[in-house]
N, C-alpha and C. Protein backbone atom coordinates (compact mmCIF):
# COMPACT_ATOMS: atom_id res chain seq x y z
N MET A 1 -38.29 16.46 -10.34
CA MET A 1 -37.11 16.03 -11.04
C MET A 1 -37.52 15.58 -12.45
N VAL A 2 -36.85 16.09 -13.44
CA VAL A 2 -37.16 15.76 -14.84
C VAL A 2 -36.58 14.39 -15.16
N GLU A 3 -37.39 13.57 -15.81
CA GLU A 3 -36.93 12.25 -16.22
C GLU A 3 -37.01 12.13 -17.72
N ILE A 4 -35.97 11.58 -18.29
CA ILE A 4 -35.93 11.30 -19.73
C ILE A 4 -35.57 9.84 -19.89
N GLY A 5 -36.47 9.10 -20.50
CA GLY A 5 -36.20 7.67 -20.69
C GLY A 5 -36.00 6.96 -19.37
N GLY A 6 -36.68 7.40 -18.30
CA GLY A 6 -36.56 6.76 -17.00
C GLY A 6 -35.37 7.24 -16.18
N MET A 7 -34.59 8.22 -16.73
CA MET A 7 -33.43 8.74 -16.02
C MET A 7 -33.76 10.08 -15.37
N ALA A 8 -33.30 10.26 -14.15
CA ALA A 8 -33.43 11.53 -13.47
C ALA A 8 -32.29 12.43 -13.94
N VAL A 9 -32.63 13.42 -14.76
CA VAL A 9 -31.62 14.26 -15.41
C VAL A 9 -30.80 15.03 -14.39
N ASP A 10 -31.44 15.58 -13.35
CA ASP A 10 -30.70 16.35 -12.35
C ASP A 10 -29.70 15.47 -11.61
N ARG A 11 -30.09 14.26 -11.31
CA ARG A 11 -29.17 13.34 -10.61
C ARG A 11 -28.00 12.97 -11.51
N LEU A 12 -28.29 12.72 -12.79
CA LEU A 12 -27.23 12.42 -13.75
C LEU A 12 -26.26 13.58 -13.87
N ARG A 13 -26.80 14.79 -13.98
CA ARG A 13 -25.96 15.98 -14.09
C ARG A 13 -25.09 16.14 -12.84
N SER A 14 -25.66 15.84 -11.67
CA SER A 14 -24.91 15.93 -10.42
C SER A 14 -23.72 14.96 -10.42
N PHE A 15 -23.95 13.73 -10.88
CA PHE A 15 -22.85 12.76 -10.95
C PHE A 15 -21.76 13.24 -11.90
N VAL A 16 -22.16 13.73 -13.05
CA VAL A 16 -21.19 14.20 -14.05
C VAL A 16 -20.38 15.36 -13.49
N GLU A 17 -21.02 16.31 -12.82
CA GLU A 17 -20.31 17.45 -12.26
C GLU A 17 -19.34 17.02 -11.17
N ARG A 18 -19.75 16.08 -10.32
CA ARG A 18 -18.85 15.58 -9.28
C ARG A 18 -17.64 14.90 -9.89
N ILE A 19 -17.87 14.09 -10.92
CA ILE A 19 -16.76 13.40 -11.58
C ILE A 19 -15.81 14.41 -12.20
N GLU A 20 -16.35 15.44 -12.85
CA GLU A 20 -15.50 16.47 -13.46
C GLU A 20 -14.65 17.17 -12.41
N ARG A 21 -15.24 17.51 -11.25
CA ARG A 21 -14.47 18.16 -10.18
C ARG A 21 -13.36 17.25 -9.68
N LEU A 22 -13.68 15.97 -9.49
CA LEU A 22 -12.67 15.02 -9.02
C LEU A 22 -11.56 14.83 -10.03
N GLU A 23 -11.90 14.80 -11.32
CA GLU A 23 -10.87 14.69 -12.37
C GLU A 23 -9.95 15.90 -12.35
N GLU A 24 -10.50 17.09 -12.12
CA GLU A 24 -9.68 18.31 -12.01
C GLU A 24 -8.74 18.22 -10.81
N GLU A 25 -9.28 17.74 -9.68
CA GLU A 25 -8.45 17.59 -8.49
C GLU A 25 -7.34 16.57 -8.73
N LYS A 26 -7.69 15.47 -9.42
CA LYS A 26 -6.71 14.44 -9.72
C LYS A 26 -5.58 15.00 -10.59
N SER A 27 -5.95 15.83 -11.57
CA SER A 27 -4.94 16.43 -12.44
C SER A 27 -4.01 17.34 -11.65
N ALA A 28 -4.61 18.12 -10.74
CA ALA A 28 -3.80 19.02 -9.91
C ALA A 28 -2.87 18.22 -9.01
N LEU A 29 -3.37 17.14 -8.42
CA LEU A 29 -2.52 16.30 -7.57
C LEU A 29 -1.40 15.63 -8.36
N SER A 30 -1.71 15.21 -9.57
CA SER A 30 -0.68 14.60 -10.42
C SER A 30 0.43 15.60 -10.72
N ALA A 31 0.05 16.83 -10.97
CA ALA A 31 1.05 17.88 -11.22
C ALA A 31 1.89 18.11 -9.97
N ASP A 32 1.26 18.11 -8.80
CA ASP A 32 2.00 18.28 -7.55
C ASP A 32 2.98 17.13 -7.33
N ILE A 33 2.54 15.92 -7.62
CA ILE A 33 3.41 14.75 -7.45
C ILE A 33 4.61 14.83 -8.39
N ARG A 34 4.37 15.22 -9.65
CA ARG A 34 5.48 15.38 -10.59
C ARG A 34 6.47 16.43 -10.08
N GLU A 35 5.95 17.48 -9.49
CA GLU A 35 6.82 18.54 -8.96
C GLU A 35 7.69 18.01 -7.82
N VAL A 36 7.11 17.19 -6.94
CA VAL A 36 7.88 16.63 -5.83
C VAL A 36 8.97 15.69 -6.36
N TYR A 37 8.62 14.86 -7.35
CA TYR A 37 9.64 14.00 -7.95
C TYR A 37 10.75 14.84 -8.58
N GLY A 38 10.37 15.95 -9.20
CA GLY A 38 11.37 16.85 -9.78
C GLY A 38 12.29 17.43 -8.72
N GLU A 39 11.72 17.80 -7.59
CA GLU A 39 12.52 18.32 -6.47
C GLU A 39 13.48 17.24 -5.97
N ALA A 40 12.97 16.01 -5.86
CA ALA A 40 13.82 14.91 -5.40
C ALA A 40 14.97 14.68 -6.37
N LYS A 41 14.67 14.75 -7.66
CA LYS A 41 15.71 14.58 -8.67
C LYS A 41 16.76 15.69 -8.54
N GLY A 42 16.29 16.91 -8.33
CA GLY A 42 17.19 18.04 -8.15
C GLY A 42 18.07 17.90 -6.92
N ALA A 43 17.57 17.16 -5.93
CA ALA A 43 18.33 16.93 -4.70
C ALA A 43 19.26 15.73 -4.84
N GLY A 44 19.27 15.10 -6.03
CA GLY A 44 20.21 14.01 -6.28
C GLY A 44 19.64 12.60 -6.12
N PHE A 45 18.34 12.49 -5.88
CA PHE A 45 17.74 11.17 -5.74
C PHE A 45 17.36 10.61 -7.11
N ASP A 46 17.42 9.29 -7.23
CA ASP A 46 17.04 8.61 -8.46
C ASP A 46 15.51 8.45 -8.46
N VAL A 47 14.85 9.10 -9.42
CA VAL A 47 13.39 9.14 -9.46
C VAL A 47 12.80 7.76 -9.72
N GLY A 48 13.41 6.96 -10.59
CA GLY A 48 12.90 5.63 -10.86
C GLY A 48 12.88 4.76 -9.61
N THR A 49 13.96 4.83 -8.85
CA THR A 49 14.04 4.06 -7.62
C THR A 49 13.05 4.60 -6.59
N LEU A 50 12.92 5.90 -6.52
CA LEU A 50 11.98 6.52 -5.60
C LEU A 50 10.55 6.09 -5.93
N ARG A 51 10.20 6.05 -7.21
CA ARG A 51 8.87 5.59 -7.62
C ARG A 51 8.64 4.14 -7.21
N GLN A 52 9.69 3.33 -7.34
CA GLN A 52 9.58 1.92 -6.96
C GLN A 52 9.35 1.79 -5.46
N VAL A 53 10.05 2.59 -4.67
CA VAL A 53 9.89 2.55 -3.21
C VAL A 53 8.45 2.95 -2.84
N VAL A 54 7.95 4.00 -3.46
CA VAL A 54 6.58 4.44 -3.17
C VAL A 54 5.59 3.34 -3.54
N ARG A 55 5.79 2.71 -4.68
CA ARG A 55 4.91 1.62 -5.12
C ARG A 55 4.96 0.46 -4.12
N MET A 56 6.16 0.15 -3.63
CA MET A 56 6.31 -0.95 -2.68
C MET A 56 5.66 -0.62 -1.34
N LEU A 57 5.72 0.63 -0.93
CA LEU A 57 5.11 1.02 0.34
C LEU A 57 3.59 0.86 0.30
N LYS A 58 3.01 0.93 -0.87
CA LYS A 58 1.57 0.77 -1.02
C LYS A 58 1.15 -0.69 -0.94
N MET A 59 2.10 -1.59 -1.11
CA MET A 59 1.79 -3.02 -1.14
C MET A 59 1.55 -3.57 0.26
N ASP A 60 0.76 -4.61 0.33
CA ASP A 60 0.58 -5.35 1.56
C ASP A 60 1.95 -5.96 1.92
N PRO A 61 2.33 -5.96 3.20
CA PRO A 61 3.65 -6.48 3.58
C PRO A 61 3.93 -7.90 3.07
N SER A 62 2.95 -8.78 3.10
CA SER A 62 3.20 -10.14 2.62
C SER A 62 3.40 -10.16 1.10
N ASP A 63 2.66 -9.32 0.37
CA ASP A 63 2.86 -9.22 -1.07
C ASP A 63 4.23 -8.64 -1.39
N ARG A 64 4.63 -7.63 -0.62
CA ARG A 64 5.95 -7.01 -0.83
C ARG A 64 7.06 -8.02 -0.58
N ARG A 65 6.92 -8.80 0.50
CA ARG A 65 7.94 -9.81 0.83
C ARG A 65 8.02 -10.85 -0.30
N ARG A 66 6.87 -11.30 -0.78
CA ARG A 66 6.85 -12.28 -1.88
C ARG A 66 7.49 -11.69 -3.13
N HIS A 67 7.20 -10.44 -3.42
CA HIS A 67 7.78 -9.76 -4.59
C HIS A 67 9.31 -9.69 -4.45
N GLU A 68 9.79 -9.31 -3.27
CA GLU A 68 11.22 -9.20 -3.05
C GLU A 68 11.91 -10.56 -3.15
N GLU A 69 11.26 -11.60 -2.62
CA GLU A 69 11.83 -12.95 -2.71
C GLU A 69 11.93 -13.42 -4.15
N LEU A 70 10.88 -13.17 -4.93
CA LEU A 70 10.91 -13.56 -6.35
C LEU A 70 11.98 -12.78 -7.10
N LEU A 71 12.09 -11.50 -6.81
CA LEU A 71 13.11 -10.69 -7.46
C LEU A 71 14.50 -11.22 -7.15
N ASP A 72 14.74 -11.53 -5.88
CA ASP A 72 16.04 -12.10 -5.50
C ASP A 72 16.29 -13.43 -6.21
N LEU A 73 15.27 -14.27 -6.27
CA LEU A 73 15.40 -15.55 -6.95
C LEU A 73 15.75 -15.37 -8.43
N TYR A 74 15.05 -14.48 -9.10
CA TYR A 74 15.31 -14.22 -10.52
C TYR A 74 16.72 -13.65 -10.71
N LYS A 75 17.13 -12.76 -9.84
CA LYS A 75 18.46 -12.16 -9.96
C LYS A 75 19.55 -13.22 -9.79
N ARG A 76 19.36 -14.12 -8.82
CA ARG A 76 20.33 -15.21 -8.62
C ARG A 76 20.36 -16.13 -9.84
N ALA A 77 19.18 -16.42 -10.38
CA ALA A 77 19.11 -17.31 -11.54
C ALA A 77 19.82 -16.72 -12.75
N LEU A 78 19.83 -15.39 -12.83
CA LEU A 78 20.45 -14.71 -13.96
C LEU A 78 21.84 -14.17 -13.64
N ASP A 79 22.37 -14.55 -12.48
CA ASP A 79 23.70 -14.09 -12.03
C ASP A 79 23.81 -12.57 -12.03
N LEU A 80 22.81 -11.93 -11.50
CA LEU A 80 22.85 -10.45 -11.42
C LEU A 80 23.30 -10.01 -10.05
């Protein structure tokens, strides 16, 4: 293994190539997600609300409950 300045060049190159592949996959997945949101919009769903639901589903249940309680509190305080 060739070393430059104490670095294993082949190992470094391997990391960079893996990262590049993953970035390409991430870009492809992002495009797929945008397409699904577009389909949902075409079916009459509100994309902003759908994104919020997806974000909330990723949250821990106790964090989600706390978030919803704070939102309700703020809405009541502002007469919304």
